[in-house]
N, C-alpha and C. Protein backbone atom coordinates (compact mmCIF):
# COMPACT_ATOMS: atom_id res chain seq x y z
N MET A 1 9.28 -74.08 -39.94
CA MET A 1 8.49 -73.16 -39.73
C MET A 1 8.02 -73.45 -41.18
N GLU A 2 6.29 -73.23 -40.99
CA GLU A 2 5.23 -73.02 -42.49
C GLU A 2 5.49 -72.13 -43.79
N SER A 3 5.25 -72.64 -44.31
CA SER A 3 6.09 -70.86 -46.10
C SER A 3 5.28 -69.77 -45.51
N SER A 4 3.76 -70.03 -45.24
CA SER A 4 3.16 -69.02 -44.58
C SER A 4 3.65 -68.03 -43.43
N GLN A 5 3.70 -68.53 -42.51
CA GLN A 5 4.77 -67.96 -41.65
C GLN A 5 6.31 -67.54 -41.82
N ILE A 6 6.43 -68.33 -42.71
CA ILE A 6 7.89 -67.79 -43.62
C ILE A 6 7.73 -65.97 -44.15
N GLU A 7 6.83 -66.07 -44.99
CA GLU A 7 6.22 -65.22 -46.06
C GLU A 7 5.68 -64.14 -45.16
N GLU A 8 5.17 -63.62 -44.17
CA GLU A 8 4.81 -63.03 -42.93
C GLU A 8 6.18 -62.74 -42.17
N SER A 9 6.20 -63.22 -42.06
CA SER A 9 8.02 -63.02 -40.74
C SER A 9 9.01 -62.34 -41.82
N THR A 10 9.10 -62.71 -43.06
CA THR A 10 10.23 -61.89 -43.60
C THR A 10 10.27 -60.65 -44.46
N SER A 11 8.66 -60.38 -44.06
CA SER A 11 8.82 -58.43 -44.13
C SER A 11 8.96 -57.73 -42.29
N LEU A 12 9.46 -58.49 -41.76
CA LEU A 12 9.95 -57.92 -40.73
C LEU A 12 11.49 -58.43 -40.18
N MET A 13 11.79 -58.81 -41.33
CA MET A 13 13.62 -59.80 -41.25
C MET A 13 14.61 -58.03 -41.43
N LEU A 14 15.77 -58.26 -41.17
CA LEU A 14 16.81 -57.43 -41.36
C LEU A 14 17.78 -58.78 -41.50
N ASP A 15 19.01 -58.48 -42.45
CA ASP A 15 20.12 -59.38 -42.27
C ASP A 15 21.00 -58.95 -40.89
N GLY A 16 22.09 -60.00 -40.66
CA GLY A 16 22.65 -60.41 -39.42
C GLY A 16 24.02 -58.93 -39.70
N ASN A 17 23.35 -58.14 -40.01
CA ASN A 17 24.81 -57.08 -40.45
C ASN A 17 23.78 -56.12 -39.44
N ALA A 18 22.07 -55.85 -38.98
CA ALA A 18 21.74 -55.09 -38.11
C ALA A 18 22.37 -55.40 -37.27
N LEU A 19 22.75 -56.71 -36.82
CA LEU A 19 23.21 -56.58 -34.98
C LEU A 19 24.54 -56.06 -35.03
N ALA A 20 25.42 -55.99 -35.90
CA ALA A 20 26.78 -55.46 -35.96
C ALA A 20 27.38 -54.56 -34.62
N GLY A 21 26.73 -53.47 -34.39
CA GLY A 21 26.91 -52.60 -33.54
C GLY A 21 27.06 -53.78 -31.58
N LEU A 22 25.85 -54.46 -31.93
CA LEU A 22 25.16 -54.77 -30.91
C LEU A 22 26.60 -56.37 -30.23
N PHE A 23 27.15 -57.28 -31.47
CA PHE A 23 28.02 -58.24 -31.64
C PHE A 23 28.98 -57.35 -31.75
N HIS A 24 29.56 -56.33 -31.76
CA HIS A 24 30.67 -55.52 -31.41
C HIS A 24 31.12 -54.94 -29.75
N GLU A 25 29.98 -54.81 -29.71
CA GLU A 25 29.33 -54.66 -27.62
C GLU A 25 30.09 -55.70 -27.43
N LEU A 26 30.01 -57.15 -27.76
CA LEU A 26 30.06 -58.55 -27.06
C LEU A 26 31.08 -58.72 -26.82
N PHE A 27 31.66 -58.78 -27.93
CA PHE A 27 32.92 -59.55 -28.24
C PHE A 27 34.15 -58.67 -29.21
N ASP A 28 33.83 -57.44 -28.99
CA ASP A 28 34.81 -56.25 -29.15
C ASP A 28 35.75 -56.95 -30.73
N VAL A 29 35.26 -57.52 -31.73
CA VAL A 29 35.96 -57.68 -32.80
C VAL A 29 34.86 -57.61 -33.98
N GLU A 30 34.95 -57.54 -35.30
CA GLU A 30 34.09 -57.83 -36.50
C GLU A 30 33.21 -59.06 -36.49
N MET A 31 32.39 -59.26 -35.71
CA MET A 31 31.55 -60.54 -35.59
C MET A 31 30.85 -60.55 -37.11
N THR A 32 30.41 -59.29 -37.65
CA THR A 32 29.54 -59.96 -39.51
C THR A 32 30.23 -60.83 -40.01
N ILE A 33 31.80 -61.07 -40.30
CA ILE A 33 32.33 -61.96 -41.28
C ILE A 33 32.37 -63.07 -40.24
N ALA A 34 32.08 -62.77 -38.89
CA ALA A 34 32.35 -64.57 -38.20
C ALA A 34 32.04 -65.89 -39.34
N LEU A 35 32.64 -67.00 -39.78
CA LEU A 35 31.88 -67.72 -39.79
C LEU A 35 31.02 -69.21 -38.81
N LEU A 36 29.98 -69.43 -39.55
CA LEU A 36 29.00 -70.41 -38.24
C LEU A 36 28.61 -71.73 -39.58
N GLU A 37 28.59 -72.72 -38.81
CA GLU A 37 28.13 -73.53 -39.32
C GLU A 37 26.20 -74.01 -39.02
N CYS A 38 25.17 -73.69 -39.49
CA CYS A 38 23.96 -74.01 -39.30
C CYS A 38 23.92 -75.53 -38.64
N ALA A 39 23.82 -76.25 -36.77
CA ALA A 39 23.39 -76.95 -36.37
C ALA A 39 22.20 -77.91 -37.04
N SER A 40 21.78 -77.39 -38.25
CA SER A 40 20.43 -78.13 -38.57
C SER A 40 20.73 -78.73 -39.88
N CYS A 41 21.05 -77.69 -41.08
CA CYS A 41 21.32 -78.08 -42.00
C CYS A 41 22.94 -78.02 -43.03
N GLY A 42 23.73 -77.58 -42.11
CA GLY A 42 25.04 -77.27 -42.23
C GLY A 42 26.08 -76.44 -43.06
N ARG A 43 24.69 -75.30 -43.09
CA ARG A 43 24.87 -74.43 -44.34
C ARG A 43 26.14 -73.43 -43.27
N ILE A 44 27.18 -73.26 -44.33
CA ILE A 44 28.37 -72.27 -43.91
C ILE A 44 28.16 -71.12 -44.29
N GLY A 45 28.54 -70.17 -43.54
CA GLY A 45 28.08 -68.81 -43.99
C GLY A 45 28.65 -67.37 -42.66
N GLU A 46 28.61 -66.22 -42.90
CA GLU A 46 28.99 -65.48 -42.39
C GLU A 46 27.74 -65.02 -41.13
N LEU A 47 28.07 -64.76 -40.13
CA LEU A 47 26.77 -64.15 -39.65
C LEU A 47 26.38 -63.51 -39.48
N GLY A 48 26.96 -62.24 -39.98
CA GLY A 48 26.16 -61.31 -41.27
C GLY A 48 24.91 -61.72 -42.70
N SER A 49 25.62 -62.90 -42.64
CA SER A 49 24.06 -63.29 -43.78
C SER A 49 23.03 -63.72 -42.82
N LEU A 50 22.91 -64.10 -42.22
CA LEU A 50 21.59 -64.57 -41.18
C LEU A 50 20.64 -63.25 -41.56
N TRP A 51 19.33 -64.00 -41.14
CA TRP A 51 18.14 -63.59 -41.23
C TRP A 51 17.76 -63.33 -39.46
N ALA A 52 17.94 -61.97 -39.60
CA ALA A 52 17.70 -60.86 -38.02
C ALA A 52 15.96 -60.67 -37.98
N PHE A 53 15.89 -61.28 -36.73
CA PHE A 53 14.09 -60.38 -36.65
C PHE A 53 14.43 -59.65 -35.23
N ALA A 54 13.90 -58.59 -34.80
CA ALA A 54 14.38 -57.68 -33.76
C ALA A 54 13.15 -57.16 -33.23
N GLU A 55 12.05 -57.62 -33.84
CA GLU A 55 10.30 -56.98 -33.66
C GLU A 55 10.12 -58.33 -32.65
N SER A 56 10.87 -58.15 -31.33
CA SER A 56 10.34 -59.24 -30.59
C SER A 56 11.61 -58.58 -29.23
N PRO A 57 10.88 -59.33 -27.79
CA PRO A 57 12.09 -58.55 -27.13
C PRO A 57 13.43 -59.45 -27.01
N GLY A 58 13.37 -59.74 -27.87
CA GLY A 58 15.04 -59.81 -28.18
C GLY A 58 15.42 -60.07 -29.45
N TYR A 59 16.43 -60.39 -29.84
CA TYR A 59 16.38 -60.79 -31.20
C TYR A 59 16.36 -62.59 -31.62
N VAL A 60 16.36 -62.31 -33.29
CA VAL A 60 16.50 -63.59 -33.32
C VAL A 60 17.65 -63.71 -34.80
N LEU A 61 17.83 -64.40 -35.00
CA LEU A 61 18.60 -65.21 -35.99
C LEU A 61 18.47 -66.14 -36.37
N ARG A 62 17.84 -66.28 -37.72
CA ARG A 62 17.99 -67.28 -38.63
C ARG A 62 18.63 -67.96 -39.90
N CYS A 63 18.83 -69.31 -39.90
CA CYS A 63 19.29 -69.59 -40.86
C CYS A 63 18.94 -69.73 -42.75
N PRO A 64 19.32 -68.56 -43.54
CA PRO A 64 18.60 -68.58 -44.54
C PRO A 64 18.75 -69.79 -45.46
N GLY A 65 19.21 -71.10 -45.05
CA GLY A 65 19.37 -72.00 -45.62
C GLY A 65 17.86 -72.44 -45.35
N CYS A 66 17.63 -72.97 -44.39
CA CYS A 66 16.76 -73.97 -43.95
C CYS A 66 15.52 -72.96 -42.94
N GLN A 67 15.95 -71.91 -42.43
CA GLN A 67 14.55 -71.56 -41.37
C GLN A 67 14.62 -71.76 -40.80
N ASN A 68 15.95 -72.64 -40.09
CA ASN A 68 15.84 -72.75 -38.44
C ASN A 68 16.95 -71.37 -37.85
N ILE A 69 16.45 -71.44 -36.08
CA ILE A 69 17.09 -70.52 -35.13
C ILE A 69 18.83 -70.58 -35.27
N VAL A 70 19.63 -69.69 -35.37
CA VAL A 70 20.59 -70.46 -35.31
C VAL A 70 20.99 -69.61 -33.54
N MET A 71 20.99 -68.59 -33.63
CA MET A 71 21.21 -67.54 -32.13
C MET A 71 19.67 -67.15 -31.67
N ARG A 72 20.39 -66.74 -30.87
CA ARG A 72 18.84 -65.54 -29.88
C ARG A 72 19.81 -65.08 -29.05
N MET A 73 19.12 -63.85 -29.46
CA MET A 73 19.80 -62.59 -28.01
C MET A 73 19.34 -61.27 -27.29
N THR A 74 19.26 -61.40 -26.52
CA THR A 74 18.38 -60.59 -25.04
C THR A 74 18.99 -59.94 -24.37
N VAL A 75 18.85 -58.34 -24.60
CA VAL A 75 19.63 -57.93 -23.94
C VAL A 75 18.79 -56.78 -22.52
N THR A 76 19.65 -56.69 -21.57
CA THR A 76 18.95 -56.17 -20.42
C THR A 76 19.65 -54.95 -20.36
N PRO A 77 19.24 -54.36 -19.18
CA PRO A 77 20.00 -52.77 -18.54
C PRO A 77 21.49 -53.11 -18.42
N ASP A 78 21.74 -54.58 -17.63
CA ASP A 78 22.96 -55.02 -17.04
C ASP A 78 23.64 -55.98 -18.18
N GLN A 79 23.49 -56.74 -18.58
CA GLN A 79 23.34 -58.01 -19.33
C GLN A 79 23.10 -58.82 -20.58
N ILE A 80 23.37 -59.31 -21.45
CA ILE A 80 23.20 -59.92 -22.92
C ILE A 80 23.55 -61.31 -22.63
N TYR A 81 21.80 -61.75 -22.94
CA TYR A 81 21.94 -63.28 -23.14
C TYR A 81 22.32 -63.88 -24.26
N LEU A 82 22.68 -64.62 -24.90
CA LEU A 82 23.55 -65.61 -25.92
C LEU A 82 23.07 -66.83 -26.10
N ASP A 83 21.83 -67.13 -26.87
CA ASP A 83 21.38 -68.45 -26.93
C ASP A 83 22.89 -68.80 -28.80
N ALA A 84 23.66 -69.80 -28.80
CA ALA A 84 23.81 -70.55 -29.92
C ALA A 84 23.62 -71.58 -30.27
N ARG A 85 22.89 -72.12 -29.40
CA ARG A 85 22.79 -73.98 -29.85
C ARG A 85 22.83 -74.15 -31.65
N GLY A 86 22.16 -73.05 -31.44
CA GLY A 86 21.71 -73.77 -33.54
C GLY A 86 22.74 -73.27 -34.04
N ALA A 87 23.70 -73.21 -33.70
CA ALA A 87 25.42 -73.22 -34.36
C ALA A 87 26.48 -74.47 -34.07
N ALA A 88 26.62 -75.36 -35.02
CA ALA A 88 27.44 -76.64 -34.91
C ALA A 88 28.58 -75.40 -34.33
N TYR A 89 28.81 -74.66 -34.92
CA TYR A 89 30.25 -74.11 -34.68
C TYR A 89 30.55 -72.69 -34.83
N LEU A 90 30.55 -71.61 -34.07
CA LEU A 90 31.17 -69.66 -34.72
C LEU A 90 32.45 -69.84 -34.52
N ARG A 91 33.10 -69.32 -36.25
CA ARG A 91 34.55 -68.79 -35.78
C ARG A 91 34.41 -67.87 -35.39
N ILE A 92 34.76 -67.01 -34.79
CA ILE A 92 35.37 -65.64 -34.00
C ILE A 92 36.72 -65.53 -34.74
N PRO A 93 37.05 -64.41 -35.40
CA PRO A 93 38.02 -63.62 -35.74
C PRO A 93 38.74 -62.87 -34.74
N LYS A 94 40.18 -63.23 -34.64
CA LYS A 94 41.07 -62.63 -33.67
C LYS A 94 41.67 -61.14 -33.29
N ARG A 95 41.22 -60.19 -32.48
CA ARG A 95 40.88 -58.91 -32.37
C ARG A 95 42.57 -58.92 -33.25
N ASN A 96 43.14 -57.64 -33.66
CA ASN A 96 44.82 -57.48 -34.30
C ASN A 96 45.03 -56.59 -32.76
N LEU A 97 46.11 -57.19 -32.46
CA LEU A 97 46.39 -56.32 -30.97
C LEU A 97 47.79 -55.65 -31.33
N THR A 98 48.07 -55.48 -32.62
CA THR A 98 49.01 -54.40 -32.88
C THR A 98 48.81 -53.48 -33.63
């Protein structure tokens, strides 16, 4: 992504915490603290630290280290589509059942 594109799009940027409710609906656990590794640059951080862009038909989450796409999510009336191929891994916390 070129620097002029980054500057223009950062005005639309939120952090990954803005999608906390949607992730909780999908996984039924607190996902903003889930650790992931960017497949592009190797940065490890919490899902909530990703740059979130919500001004499109879906959501795009980018790595703050290299600005590459880590996740894409689209919500329809009856389904959620999640593409996480930009993450080398996503470590989801276990739900406490006690």
